[in-house]
Amino acid sequence: MMISIFSCAIYSQNEKKVIVPNKNKTNYSDIDPLKTYERVIEKGYKSADMLKKIGNAYYFNEELDKAAKWYQELFSMNTITDLEPEYYFRYARSLKSINKNDEANEMMKIFNQKIEANTEKN
């Protein structure tokens, strides 16, 4: 019995490996996609999809003041013709969080109109 314990101990010591990180490889888990999107937008490259993603990320993390900033950018784009109703709701809620109640109420009116229009279509 003593021999088997001793041999297991020797065997387990021989199996240890030293792992050295490869400095040439990028650790993608260190990249913050939200900050990357923000840097890209700051350089002048923005799209509705990118603004939606940033706004949604902040909205769902309850950082409504930051969400309001990005939703405002989204709504100010000239190429936006018809956003989904939920963006009006999210923008309204974000605006309320920063005490822009009049603007929030306007967004809620539009949200309600879009919901009614969608209900009538179905």
Foldseek 3Di string as FASTA:
>chain_A
DVVVVVVVVVVVVVPDDDDDDDPVDDDCVPDDVLVVLVVCVVVPDDDLVSLVVNLVVCLVVVVLLSSLVSLVVNVPDPPDDDDDLVSLQSNLVSCVVVPVNVSSVVSVVVSVVNVVVVVVVD
